[in-house]
Protein backbone atom coordinates (compact mmCIF):
# COMPACT_ATOMS: atom_id res chain seq x y z
CA MET A 1 -10.81 -8.90 -2.80
CA GLN A 2 -8.33 -8.16 0.13
CA LEU A 3 -6.13 -5.16 -0.17
CA GLN A 4 -2.95 -7.23 0.23
CA ASP A 5 -4.05 -9.56 -2.69
CA ILE A 6 -4.60 -6.47 -4.83
CA LEU A 7 -1.04 -5.15 -4.16
CA TYR A 8 0.33 -8.65 -4.59
CA SER A 9 -1.43 -9.22 -7.91
CA GLN A 10 0.11 -5.88 -9.25
CA GLY A 11 3.61 -7.07 -8.50
CA PHE A 12 4.44 -4.85 -5.41
CA GLY A 13 6.00 -7.98 -3.66
CA THR A 14 5.03 -11.03 -1.67
CA ARG A 15 1.79 -11.03 0.20
CA ARG A 16 3.72 -10.62 3.44
CA ILE A 17 5.56 -7.45 2.08
CA CYS A 18 2.32 -6.09 0.72
CA ALA A 19 0.58 -6.54 4.22
CA GLY A 20 3.57 -4.82 5.83
CA LEU A 21 3.28 -1.76 3.50
CA ILE A 22 -0.43 -1.52 4.37
CA GLN A 23 0.03 -1.80 7.96
CA GLN A 24 2.65 0.77 8.05
CA GLY A 25 0.49 3.32 6.29
CA HIS A 26 2.09 3.44 2.97
CA VAL A 27 -1.11 2.66 0.97
CA LEU A 28 -3.67 5.31 -0.21
CA ILE A 29 -6.88 4.43 -1.95
CA THR A 30 -8.71 7.03 -4.09
CA ALA A 31 -12.42 6.41 -4.71
CA ASN A 32 -15.14 8.93 -5.42
CA ASN A 33 -12.67 11.78 -5.36
CA GLU A 34 -11.69 10.86 -1.76
CA MET A 35 -8.29 9.76 -0.82
CA VAL A 36 -8.22 7.33 2.13
CA LEU A 37 -5.13 5.95 3.96
CA CYS A 38 -5.43 2.22 4.52
CA ASP A 39 -3.77 0.17 7.41
CA ASP A 40 -5.95 -3.04 7.25
CA ALA A 41 -4.31 -5.59 4.96
CA LEU A 42 -7.40 -7.87 5.32
CA GLN A 43 -9.71 -5.06 4.28
CA ASP A 44 -12.08 -6.22 1.49
CA ILE A 45 -11.96 -3.73 -1.39
CA ASP A 46 -14.60 -3.47 -4.18
CA VAL A 47 -12.45 -2.66 -7.25
CA HIS A 48 -14.33 -0.76 -9.78
CA GLU A 49 -13.59 1.64 -12.60
CA GLY A 50 -12.28 5.09 -11.36
CA TRP A 51 -10.63 3.30 -8.39
CA GLN A 52 -6.97 4.25 -7.81
CA LEU A 53 -4.19 2.90 -5.59
CA SER A 54 -1.12 4.92 -4.38
CA LEU A 55 1.91 3.96 -2.51
CA ILE A 56 3.62 6.53 -0.33
CA HIS A 57 7.48 6.11 -0.43
CA ILE A 58 9.11 7.20 2.73
CA SER A 59 12.78 7.27 2.45
CA GLU A 60 14.79 7.00 5.65
CA PRO A 61 18.02 8.91 6.03
CA THR A 62 21.10 6.94 5.55
CA ARG A 63 23.81 7.36 8.07
CA LEU A 64 27.36 7.21 6.90
CA ARG A 65 29.69 4.95 8.88
CA ARG A 66 33.31 5.85 9.53
CA ILE A 67 35.89 3.55 7.89
């Protein structure tokens, strides 16, 4: 199953949004006690027991505008 489809099936957004999250480096996969950063949305993933998916949330600073 493609990584973007896994995120989509778990409700992380549309396929396009999920592909963007992956391509921007916001997705980590943990398998066999190793954490791997994924950046290929079309990568085929063999989902099995013990497999974990993490999203890295990077918040950007908000700039205040003068009124």
